[in-house]
């Protein structure tokens, strides 16, 4: 909803945290086709918009089961690529490439 988006933007502007799962399917008109594992994937443009409107820091988080099945290891890393002041097509290309590496 638009109210939810406004709350998210305000939270990010106030140093809040937002998490977006990469498997979210954007609604029609809210994404662009970007390569992902060699196939065009309809990738959201929302993340690009939020970063440009809030100057938020892009982080990647992931969770892996530990070797002995005793628990999980959680990692949070900064983006290894430039993501500010790039066009959405380049941003999404870099984003999907990073997700492939994860």
PDB file of N, CA and C in Angstrom:
ATOM      1  N   UNK A   1       0.829  -1.181   0.000  1.00  0.00           N
ATOM      2  CA  UNK A   1       0.000   0.000   0.000  1.00  0.00           C
ATOM      3  C   UNK A   1       0.872   1.243   0.000  1.00  0.00           C
ATOM      4  N   UNK A   2       0.328   2.344  -0.433  1.00  0.00           N
ATOM      5  CA  UNK A   2       1.094   3.588  -0.473  1.00  0.00           C
ATOM      6  C   UNK A   2       1.417   4.084   0.931  1.00  0.00           C
ATOM      7  N   UNK A   3       0.528   3.839   1.898  1.00  0.00           N
ATOM      8  CA  UNK A   3       0.817   4.231   3.283  1.00  0.00           C
ATOM      9  C   UNK A   3       2.005   3.454   3.825  1.00  0.00           C
ATOM     10  N   UNK A   4       2.067   2.182   3.477  1.00  0.00           N
ATOM     11  CA  UNK A   4       3.188   1.351   3.910  1.00  0.00           C
ATOM     12  C   UNK A   4       4.502   1.819   3.303  1.00  0.00           C
ATOM     13  N   UNK A   5       4.466   2.212   2.037  1.00  0.00           N
ATOM     14  CA  UNK A   5       5.676   2.710   1.371  1.00  0.00           C
ATOM     15  C   UNK A   5       6.143   4.019   1.999  1.00  0.00           C
ATOM     16  N   UNK A   6       5.210   4.878   2.346  1.00  0.00           N
ATOM     17  CA  UNK A   6       5.560   6.150   2.982  1.00  0.00           C
ATOM     18  C   UNK A   6       6.198   5.895   4.345  1.00  0.00           C
ATOM     19  N   UNK A   7       5.652   4.952   5.102  1.00  0.00           N
ATOM     20  CA  UNK A   7       6.245   4.606   6.407  1.00  0.00           C
ATOM     21  C   UNK A   7       7.650   4.037   6.242  1.00  0.00           C
ATOM     22  N   UNK A   8       7.852   3.199   5.235  1.00  0.00           N
ATOM     23  CA  UNK A   8       9.185   2.653   4.991  1.00  0.00           C
ATOM     24  C   UNK A   8      10.179   3.749   4.629  1.00  0.00           C
ATOM     25  N   UNK A   9       9.772   4.660   3.757  1.00  0.00           N
ATOM     26  CA  UNK A   9      10.651   5.765   3.377  1.00  0.00           C
ATOM     27  C   UNK A   9      11.021   6.612   4.587  1.00  0.00           C
ATOM     28  N   UNK A  10      10.049   6.930   5.427  1.00  0.00           N
ATOM     29  CA  UNK A  10      10.322   7.711   6.632  1.00  0.00           C
ATOM     30  C   UNK A  10      11.278   6.969   7.554  1.00  0.00           C
ATOM     31  N   UNK A  11      11.063   5.689   7.718  1.00  0.00           N
ATOM     32  CA  UNK A  11      11.941   4.895   8.583  1.00  0.00           C
ATOM     33  C   UNK A  11      13.377   4.894   8.054  1.00  0.00           C
ATOM     34  N   UNK A  12      13.540   4.709   6.751  1.00  0.00           N
ATOM     35  CA  UNK A  12      14.891   4.714   6.175  1.00  0.00           C
ATOM     36  C   UNK A  12      15.557   6.077   6.325  1.00  0.00           C
ATOM     37  N   UNK A  13      14.797   7.127   6.152  1.00  0.00           N
ATOM     38  CA  UNK A  13      15.352   8.475   6.311  1.00  0.00           C
ATOM     39  C   UNK A  13      15.784   8.740   7.744  1.00  0.00           C
ATOM     40  N   UNK A  14      15.199   8.009   8.687  1.00  0.00           N
ATOM     41  CA  UNK A  14      15.546   8.149  10.105  1.00  0.00           C
ATOM     42  C   UNK A  14      16.459   7.018  10.574  1.00  0.00           C
ATOM     43  N   UNK A  15      17.286   6.503   9.659  1.00  0.00           N
ATOM     44  CA  UNK A  15      18.270   5.448   9.950  1.00  0.00           C
ATOM     45  C   UNK A  15      17.634   4.128  10.350  1.00  0.00           C
ATOM     46  N   UNK A  16      16.423   3.879   9.887  1.00  0.00           N
ATOM     47  CA  UNK A  16      15.766   2.606  10.135  1.00  0.00           C
ATOM     48  C   UNK A  16      16.321   1.522   9.218  1.00  0.00           C
ATOM     49  N   UNK A  17      15.813   0.339   9.393  1.00  0.00           N
ATOM     50  CA  UNK A  17      16.256  -0.817   8.615  1.00  0.00           C
ATOM     51  C   UNK A  17      15.064  -1.398   7.872  1.00  0.00           C
ATOM     52  N   UNK A  18      15.291  -1.792   6.630  1.00  0.00           N
ATOM     53  CA  UNK A  18      14.269  -2.437   5.818  1.00  0.00           C
ATOM     54  C   UNK A  18      14.917  -3.659   5.179  1.00  0.00           C
ATOM     55  N   UNK A  19      14.212  -4.762   5.162  1.00  0.00           N
ATOM     56  CA  UNK A  19      14.727  -5.965   4.507  1.00  0.00           C
ATOM     57  C   UNK A  19      13.786  -6.350   3.388  1.00  0.00           C
ATOM     58  N   UNK A  20      14.374  -6.671   2.245  1.00  0.00           N
ATOM     59  CA  UNK A  20      13.606  -7.119   1.094  1.00  0.00           C
ATOM     60  C   UNK A  20      14.152  -8.474   0.669  1.00  0.00           C
ATOM     61  N   UNK A  21      13.287  -9.445   0.557  1.00  0.00           N
ATOM     62  CA  UNK A  21      13.698 -10.767   0.090  1.00  0.00           C
ATOM     63  C   UNK A  21      13.802 -10.748  -1.429  1.00  0.00           C
ATOM     64  N   UNK A  22      14.831 -11.373  -1.987  1.00  0.00           N
ATOM     65  CA  UNK A  22      15.036 -11.282  -3.438  1.00  0.00           C
ATOM     66  C   UNK A  22      14.032 -12.047  -4.273  1.00  0.00           C
ATOM     67  N   UNK A  23      13.232 -12.883  -3.662  1.00  0.00           N
ATOM     68  CA  UNK A  23      12.271 -13.654  -4.463  1.00  0.00           C
ATOM     69  C   UNK A  23      10.901 -12.988  -4.544  1.00  0.00           C
ATOM     70  N   UNK A  24      10.819 -11.737  -4.153  1.00  0.00           N
ATOM     71  CA  UNK A  24       9.558 -11.020  -4.245  1.00  0.00           C
ATOM     72  C   UNK A  24       9.240 -10.700  -5.704  1.00  0.00           C
ATOM     73  N   UNK A  25       8.057 -11.032  -6.128  1.00  0.00           N
ATOM     74  CA  UNK A  25       7.639 -10.744  -7.502  1.00  0.00           C
ATOM     75  C   UNK A  25       7.003  -9.362  -7.541  1.00  0.00           C
ATOM     76  N   UNK A  26       7.619  -8.423  -8.241  1.00  0.00           N
ATOM     77  CA  UNK A  26       7.019  -7.089  -8.312  1.00  0.00           C
ATOM     78  C   UNK A  26       5.764  -7.104  -9.168  1.00  0.00           C
ATOM     79  N   UNK A  27       4.856  -6.185  -8.840  1.00  0.00           N
ATOM     80  CA  UNK A  27       3.640  -6.064  -9.648  1.00  0.00           C
ATOM     81  C   UNK A  27       4.026  -5.520 -11.026  1.00  0.00           C
ATOM     82  N   UNK A  28       3.157  -5.676 -11.976  1.00  0.00           N
ATOM     83  CA  UNK A  28       3.387  -5.198 -13.331  1.00  0.00           C
ATOM     84  C   UNK A  28       3.691  -3.703 -13.312  1.00  0.00           C
ATOM     85  N   UNK A  29       4.774  -3.307 -13.921  1.00  0.00           N
ATOM     86  CA  UNK A  29       5.189  -1.917 -13.959  1.00  0.00           C
ATOM     87  C   UNK A  29       6.147  -1.524 -12.849  1.00  0.00           C
ATOM     88  N   UNK A  30       6.394  -2.436 -11.899  1.00  0.00           N
ATOM     89  CA  UNK A  30       7.264  -2.135 -10.762  1.00  0.00           C
ATOM     90  C   UNK A  30       8.595  -2.885 -10.849  1.00  0.00           C
ATOM     91  N   UNK A  31       8.937  -3.322 -12.054  1.00  0.00           N
ATOM     92  CA  UNK A  31      10.186  -4.045 -12.237  1.00  0.00           C
ATOM     93  C   UNK A  31      10.673  -3.914 -13.661  1.00  0.00           C
ATOM     94  N   UNK A  32      11.857  -4.427 -13.885  1.00  0.00           N
ATOM     95  CA  UNK A  32      12.436  -4.499 -15.224  1.00  0.00           C
ATOM     96  C   UNK A  32      13.085  -5.874 -15.379  1.00  0.00           C
ATOM     97  N   UNK A  33      13.233  -6.311 -16.606  1.00  0.00           N
ATOM     98  CA  UNK A  33      13.895  -7.587 -16.853  1.00  0.00           C
ATOM     99  C   UNK A  33      15.398  -7.386 -16.784  1.00  0.00           C
ATOM    100  N   UNK A  34      16.021  -8.200 -15.924  1.00  0.00           N
ATOM    101  CA  UNK A  34      17.453  -8.122 -15.673  1.00  0.00           C
ATOM    102  C   UNK A  34      18.001  -9.548 -15.656  1.00  0.00           C
ATOM    103  N   UNK A  35      19.178  -9.786 -16.250  1.00  0.00           N
ATOM    104  CA  UNK A  35      19.723 -11.146 -16.245  1.00  0.00           C
ATOM    105  C   UNK A  35      19.929 -11.691 -14.824  1.00  0.00           C
ATOM    106  N   UNK A  36      19.560 -12.961 -14.645  1.00  0.00           N
ATOM    107  CA  UNK A  36      19.774 -13.675 -13.386  1.00  0.00           C
ATOM    108  C   UNK A  36      20.053 -15.119 -13.737  1.00  0.00           C
ATOM    109  N   UNK A  37      21.277 -15.557 -13.497  1.00  0.00           N
ATOM    110  CA  UNK A  37      21.730 -16.886 -13.896  1.00  0.00           C
ATOM    111  C   UNK A  37      21.465 -17.149 -15.374  1.00  0.00           C
ATOM    112  N   UNK A  38      21.706 -16.129 -16.198  1.00  0.00           N
ATOM    113  CA  UNK A  38      21.604 -16.278 -17.639  1.00  0.00           C
ATOM    114  C   UNK A  38      20.196 -16.200 -18.209  1.00  0.00           C
ATOM    115  N   UNK A  39      19.234 -15.867 -17.380  1.00  0.00           N
ATOM    116  CA  UNK A  39      17.846 -15.769 -17.837  1.00  0.00           C
ATOM    117  C   UNK A  39      17.276 -14.410 -17.443  1.00  0.00           C
ATOM    118  N   UNK A  40      16.401 -13.843 -18.269  1.00  0.00           N
ATOM    119  CA  UNK A  40      15.785 -12.576 -17.884  1.00  0.00           C
ATOM    120  C   UNK A  40      14.821 -12.796 -16.715  1.00  0.00           C
ATOM    121  N   UNK A  41      15.019 -12.037 -15.660  1.00  0.00           N
ATOM    122  CA  UNK A  41      14.170 -12.151 -14.470  1.00  0.00           C
ATOM    123  C   UNK A  41      13.529 -10.796 -14.202  1.00  0.00           C
ATOM    124  N   UNK A  42      12.249 -10.792 -13.966  1.00  0.00           N
ATOM    125  CA  UNK A  42      11.543  -9.556 -13.675  1.00  0.00           C
ATOM    126  C   UNK A  42      11.948  -9.122 -12.269  1.00  0.00           C
ATOM    127  N   UNK A  43      12.777  -8.104 -12.198  1.00  0.00           N
ATOM    128  CA  UNK A  43      13.428  -7.684 -10.955  1.00  0.00           C
ATOM    129  C   UNK A  43      12.860  -6.343 -10.499  1.00  0.00           C
ATOM    130  N   UNK A  44      12.541  -6.250  -9.216  1.00  0.00           N
ATOM    131  CA  UNK A  44      11.923  -5.036  -8.675  1.00  0.00           C
ATOM    132  C   UNK A  44      12.822  -3.814  -8.833  1.00  0.00           C
ATOM    133  N   UNK A  45      12.205  -2.662  -8.992  1.00  0.00           N
ATOM    134  CA  UNK A  45      12.923  -1.395  -9.045  1.00  0.00           C
ATOM    135  C   UNK A  45      12.764  -0.619  -7.743  1.00  0.00           C
ATOM    136  N   UNK A  46      11.994  -1.149  -6.820  1.00  0.00           N
ATOM    137  CA  UNK A  46      11.718  -0.479  -5.551  1.00  0.00           C
ATOM    138  C   UNK A  46      12.985  -0.204  -4.749  1.00  0.00           C
ATOM    139  N   UNK A  47      13.882  -1.162  -4.691  1.00  0.00           N
ATOM    140  CA  UNK A  47      15.107  -0.984  -3.920  1.00  0.00           C
ATOM    141  C   UNK A  47      15.922   0.190  -4.447  1.00  0.00           C
ATOM    142  N   UNK A  48      16.053   0.288  -5.758  1.00  0.00           N
ATOM    143  CA  UNK A  48      16.768   1.398  -6.388  1.00  0.00           C
ATOM    144  C   UNK A  48      16.123   2.726  -6.006  1.00  0.00           C
ATOM    145  N   UNK A  49      14.805   2.787  -6.055  1.00  0.00           N
ATOM    146  CA  UNK A  49      14.085   4.012  -5.713  1.00  0.00           C
ATOM    147  C   UNK A  49      14.307   4.397  -4.259  1.00  0.00           C
ATOM    148  N   UNK A  50      14.200   3.438  -3.366  1.00  0.00           N
ATOM    149  CA  UNK A  50      14.369   3.733  -1.940  1.00  0.00           C
ATOM    150  C   UNK A  50      15.775   4.243  -1.640  1.00  0.00           C
ATOM    151  N   UNK A  51      16.775   3.625  -2.217  1.00  0.00           N
ATOM    152  CA  UNK A  51      18.154   4.059  -1.973  1.00  0.00           C
ATOM    153  C   UNK A  51      18.363   5.478  -2.478  1.00  0.00           C
ATOM    154  N   UNK A  52      17.840   5.778  -3.656  1.00  0.00           N
ATOM    155  CA  UNK A  52      18.017   7.119  -4.211  1.00  0.00           C
ATOM    156  C   UNK A  52      17.247   8.183  -3.435  1.00  0.00           C
ATOM    157  N   UNK A  53      16.118   7.825  -2.841  1.00  0.00           N
ATOM    158  CA  UNK A  53      15.320   8.807  -2.099  1.00  0.00           C
ATOM    159  C   UNK A  53      15.792   8.993  -0.658  1.00  0.00           C
ATOM    160  N   UNK A  54      16.516   8.011  -0.118  1.00  0.00           N
ATOM    161  CA  UNK A  54      16.862   8.065   1.305  1.00  0.00           C
ATOM    162  C   UNK A  54      18.366   8.074   1.568  1.00  0.00           C
ATOM    163  N   UNK A  55      19.180   7.787   0.578  1.00  0.00           N
ATOM    164  CA  UNK A  55      20.634   7.657   0.756  1.00  0.00           C
ATOM    165  C   UNK A  55      20.971   6.508   1.720  1.00  0.00           C
ATOM    166  N   UNK A  56      20.122   5.496   1.744  1.00  0.00           N
ATOM    167  CA  UNK A  56      20.332   4.340   2.618  1.00  0.00           C
ATOM    168  C   UNK A  56      21.556   3.542   2.172  1.00  0.00           C
ATOM    169  N   UNK A  57      22.122   2.806   3.097  1.00  0.00           N
ATOM    170  CA  UNK A  57      23.238   1.910   2.810  1.00  0.00           C
ATOM    171  C   UNK A  57      22.686   0.550   2.420  1.00  0.00           C
ATOM    172  N   UNK A  58      23.217  -0.014   1.345  1.00  0.00           N
ATOM    173  CA  UNK A  58      22.774  -1.323   0.866  1.00  0.00           C
ATOM    174  C   UNK A  58      23.617  -2.413   1.506  1.00  0.00           C
ATOM    175  N   UNK A  59      22.952  -3.313   2.201  1.00  0.00           N
ATOM    176  CA  UNK A  59      23.603  -4.456   2.831  1.00  0.00           C
ATOM    177  C   UNK A  59      22.970  -5.740   2.314  1.00  0.00           C
ATOM    178  N   UNK A  60      23.743  -6.797   2.336  1.00  0.00           N
ATOM    179  CA  UNK A  60      23.241  -8.119   1.969  1.00  0.00           C
ATOM    180  C   UNK A  60      23.346  -9.021   3.187  1.00  0.00           C
ATOM    181  N   UNK A  61      22.262  -9.661   3.524  1.00  0.00           N
ATOM    182  CA  UNK A  61      22.275 -10.591   4.636  1.00  0.00           C
ATOM    183  C   UNK A  61      21.857 -11.968   4.163  1.00  0.00           C
ATOM    184  N   UNK A  62      22.471 -12.965   4.764  1.00  0.00           N
ATOM    185  CA  UNK A  62      22.096 -14.329   4.418  1.00  0.00           C
ATOM    186  C   UNK A  62      22.376 -15.248   5.599  1.00  0.00           C
ATOM    187  N   UNK A  63      21.731 -16.380   5.587  1.00  0.00           N
ATOM    188  CA  UNK A  63      21.820 -17.343   6.671  1.00  0.00           C
ATOM    189  C   UNK A  63      22.153 -18.709   6.075  1.00  0.00           C
ATOM    190  N   UNK A  64      23.165 -19.352   6.630  1.00  0.00           N
ATOM    191  CA  UNK A  64      23.576 -20.676   6.161  1.00  0.00           C
ATOM    192  C   UNK A  64      23.574 -21.659   7.330  1.00  0.00           C
ATOM    193  N   UNK A  65      23.121 -22.865   7.060  1.00  0.00           N
ATOM    194  CA  UNK A  65      23.181 -23.905   8.098  1.00  0.00           C
ATOM    195  C   UNK A  65      24.648 -24.237   8.343  1.00  0.00           C
ATOM    196  N   UNK A  66      25.027 -24.339   9.607  1.00  0.00           N
ATOM    197  CA  UNK A  66      26.420 -24.646   9.943  1.00  0.00           C
ATOM    198  C   UNK A  66      26.758 -26.080   9.525  1.00  0.00           C
ATOM    199  N   UNK A  67      28.033 -26.367   9.452  1.00  0.00           N
ATOM    200  CA  UNK A  67      28.502 -27.666   8.959  1.00  0.00           C
ATOM    201  C   UNK A  67      27.958 -28.851   9.751  1.00  0.00           C
ATOM    202  N   UNK A  68      27.774 -28.692  11.018  1.00  0.00           N
ATOM    203  CA  UNK A  68      27.369 -29.811  11.859  1.00  0.00           C
ATOM    204  C   UNK A  68      25.867 -29.852  12.131  1.00  0.00           C
ATOM    205  N   UNK A  69      25.089 -29.131  11.341  1.00  0.00           N
ATOM    206  CA  UNK A  69      23.634 -29.103  11.482  1.00  0.00           C
ATOM    207  C   UNK A  69      23.185 -28.631  12.862  1.00  0.00           C
ATOM    208  N   UNK A  70      24.088 -27.968  13.600  1.00  0.00           N
ATOM    209  CA  UNK A  70      23.771 -27.551  14.959  1.00  0.00           C
ATOM    210  C   UNK A  70      23.174 -26.150  15.023  1.00  0.00           C
ATOM    211  N   UNK A  71      23.119 -25.482  13.941  1.00  0.00           N
ATOM    212  CA  UNK A  71      22.606 -24.123  13.970  1.00  0.00           C
ATOM    213  C   UNK A  71      22.861 -23.432  12.647  1.00  0.00           C
ATOM    214  N   UNK A  72      22.871 -22.127  12.709  1.00  0.00           N
ATOM    215  CA  UNK A  72      23.022 -21.320  11.504  1.00  0.00           C
ATOM    216  C   UNK A  72      24.078 -20.250  11.700  1.00  0.00           C
ATOM    217  N   UNK A  73      24.671 -19.855  10.603  1.00  0.00           N
ATOM    218  CA  UNK A  73      25.595 -18.729  10.596  1.00  0.00           C
ATOM    219  C   UNK A  73      24.917 -17.608   9.821  1.00  0.00           C
ATOM    220  N   UNK A  74      24.837 -16.446  10.437  1.00  0.00           N
ATOM    221  CA  UNK A  74      24.213 -15.294   9.806  1.00  0.00           C
ATOM    222  C   UNK A  74      25.303 -14.307   9.423  1.00  0.00           C
ATOM    223  N   UNK A  75      25.266 -13.847   8.180  1.00  0.00           N
ATOM    224  CA  UNK A  75      26.248 -12.888   7.685  1.00  0.00           C
ATOM    225  C   UNK A  75      25.541 -11.664   7.139  1.00  0.00           C
ATOM    226  N   UNK A  76      26.131 -10.515   7.393  1.00  0.00           N
ATOM    227  CA  UNK A  76      25.655  -9.261   6.826  1.00  0.00           C
ATOM    228  C   UNK A  76      26.871  -8.560   6.247  1.00  0.00           C
ATOM    229  N   UNK A  77      26.774  -8.205   4.975  1.00  0.00           N
ATOM    230  CA  UNK A  77      27.906  -7.616   4.258  1.00  0.00           C
ATOM    231  C   UNK A  77      27.459  -6.362   3.525  1.00  0.00           C
ATOM    232  N   UNK A  78      28.395  -5.423   3.372  1.00  0.00           N
ATOM    233  CA  UNK A  78      28.122  -4.252   2.552  1.00  0.00           C
ATOM    234  C   UNK A  78      28.174  -4.653   1.091  1.00  0.00           C
ATOM    235  N   UNK A  79      27.491  -3.900   0.269  1.00  0.00           N
ATOM    236  CA  UNK A  79      27.526  -4.142  -1.176  1.00  0.00           C
ATOM    237  C   UNK A  79      28.955  -3.966  -1.665  1.00  0.00           C
ATOM    238  N   UNK A  80      29.375  -4.847  -2.552  1.00  0.00           N
ATOM    239  CA  UNK A  80      30.727  -4.791  -3.122  1.00  0.00           C
ATOM    240  C   UNK A  80      30.753  -3.973  -4.404  1.00  0.00           C
ATOM    241  N   UNK A  81      29.677  -3.295  -4.701  1.00  0.00           N
ATOM    242  CA  UNK A  81      29.579  -2.565  -5.960  1.00  0.00           C
ATOM    243  C   UNK A  81      29.000  -1.186  -5.712  1.00  0.00           C
ATOM    244  N   UNK A  82      29.309  -0.281  -6.626  1.00  0.00           N
ATOM    245  CA  UNK A  82      28.730   1.049  -6.548  1.00  0.00           C
ATOM    246  C   UNK A  82      27.248   0.986  -6.846  1.00  0.00           C
ATOM    247  N   UNK A  83      26.450   1.584  -6.006  1.00  0.00           N
ATOM    248  CA  UNK A  83      25.003   1.512  -6.202  1.00  0.00           C
ATOM    249  C   UNK A  83      24.326   2.874  -6.134  1.00  0.00           C
ATOM    250  N   UNK A  84      25.045   3.889  -5.779  1.00  0.00           N
ATOM    251  CA  UNK A  84      24.452   5.225  -5.717  1.00  0.00           C
ATOM    252  C   UNK A  84      24.741   5.948  -7.021  1.00  0.00           C
ATOM    253  N   UNK A  85      23.780   6.710  -7.460  1.00  0.00           N
ATOM    254  CA  UNK A  85      23.912   7.498  -8.688  1.00  0.00           C
ATOM    255  C   UNK A  85      24.134   6.648  -9.933  1.00  0.00           C
ATOM    256  N   UNK A  86      23.543   5.456  -9.976  1.00  0.00           N
ATOM    257  CA  UNK A  86      23.565   4.643 -11.194  1.00  0.00           C
ATOM    258  C   UNK A  86      22.127   4.468 -11.664  1.00  0.00           C
ATOM    259  N   UNK A  87      21.954   4.287 -12.952  1.00  0.00           N
ATOM    260  CA  UNK A  87      20.613   4.080 -13.494  1.00  0.00           C
ATOM    261  C   UNK A  87      20.074   2.732 -13.029  1.00  0.00           C
ATOM    262  N   UNK A  88      18.776   2.608 -13.029  1.00  0.00           N
ATOM    263  CA  UNK A  88      18.125   1.418 -12.478  1.00  0.00           C
ATOM    264  C   UNK A  88      18.572   0.141 -13.199  1.00  0.00           C
ATOM    265  N   UNK A  89      18.783   0.199 -14.498  1.00  0.00           N
ATOM    266  CA  UNK A  89      19.199  -1.005 -15.232  1.00  0.00           C
ATOM    267  C   UNK A  89      20.554  -1.496 -14.728  1.00  0.00           C
ATOM    268  N   UNK A  90      21.479  -0.581 -14.511  1.00  0.00           N
ATOM    269  CA  UNK A  90      22.811  -0.963 -14.020  1.00  0.00           C
ATOM    270  C   UNK A  90      22.731  -1.423 -12.564  1.00  0.00           C
ATOM    271  N   UNK A  91      21.945  -0.737 -11.762  1.00  0.00           N
ATOM    272  CA  UNK A  91      21.755  -1.131 -10.367  1.00  0.00           C
ATOM    273  C   UNK A  91      21.233  -2.570 -10.281  1.00  0.00           C
ATOM    274  N   UNK A  92      20.164  -2.862 -11.028  1.00  0.00           N
ATOM    275  CA  UNK A  92      19.577  -4.200 -10.972  1.00  0.00           C
ATOM    276  C   UNK A  92      20.519  -5.261 -11.517  1.00  0.00           C
ATOM    277  N   UNK A  93      21.300  -4.909 -12.525  1.00  0.00           N
ATOM    278  CA  UNK A  93      22.286  -5.860 -13.051  1.00  0.00           C
ATOM    279  C   UNK A  93      23.302  -6.204 -11.958  1.00  0.00           C
ATOM    280  N   UNK A  94      23.814  -5.195 -11.278  1.00  0.00           N
ATOM    281  CA  UNK A  94      24.791  -5.420 -10.202  1.00  0.00           C
ATOM    282  C   UNK A  94      24.160  -6.168  -9.039  1.00  0.00           C
ATOM    283  N   UNK A  95      22.919  -5.822  -8.713  1.00  0.00           N
ATOM    284  CA  UNK A  95      22.192  -6.484  -7.633  1.00  0.00           C
ATOM    285  C   UNK A  95      22.033  -7.977  -7.923  1.00  0.00           C
ATOM    286  N   UNK A  96      21.530  -8.309  -9.092  1.00  0.00           N
ATOM    287  CA  UNK A  96      21.324  -9.718  -9.432  1.00  0.00           C
ATOM    288  C   UNK A  96      22.639 -10.481  -9.509  1.00  0.00           C
ATOM    289  N   UNK A  97      23.677  -9.834 -10.000  1.00  0.00           N
ATOM    290  CA  UNK A  97      24.998 -10.490 -10.049  1.00  0.00           C
ATOM    291  C   UNK A  97      25.474 -10.814  -8.633  1.00  0.00           C
ATOM    292  N   UNK A  98      25.271  -9.898  -7.702  1.00  0.00           N
ATOM    293  CA  UNK A  98      25.665 -10.133  -6.322  1.00  0.00           C
ATOM    294  C   UNK A  98      24.839 -11.267  -5.704  1.00  0.00           C
ATOM    295  N   UNK A  99      23.564 -11.290  -5.999  1.00  0.00           N
ATOM    296  CA  UNK A  99      22.715 -12.372  -5.491  1.00  0.00           C
ATOM    297  C   UNK A  99      23.149 -13.716  -6.062  1.00  0.00           C
ATOM    298  N   UNK A 100      23.570 -13.743  -7.303  1.00  0.00           N
ATOM    299  CA  UNK A 100      24.087 -14.984  -7.898  1.00  0.00           C
ATOM    300  C   UNK A 100      25.308 -15.469  -7.119  1.00  0.00           C
ATOM    301  N   UNK A 101      26.187 -14.544  -6.759  1.00  0.00           N
ATOM    302  CA  UNK A 101      27.403 -14.918  -6.026  1.00  0.00           C
ATOM    303  C   UNK A 101      27.083 -15.460  -4.626  1.00  0.00           C
ATOM    304  N   UNK A 102      26.034 -14.898  -4.009  1.00  0.00           N
ATOM    305  CA  UNK A 102      25.657 -15.395  -2.689  1.00  0.00           C
ATOM    306  C   UNK A 102      25.154 -16.831  -2.773  1.00  0.00           C
TER     307      UNK A 102
END
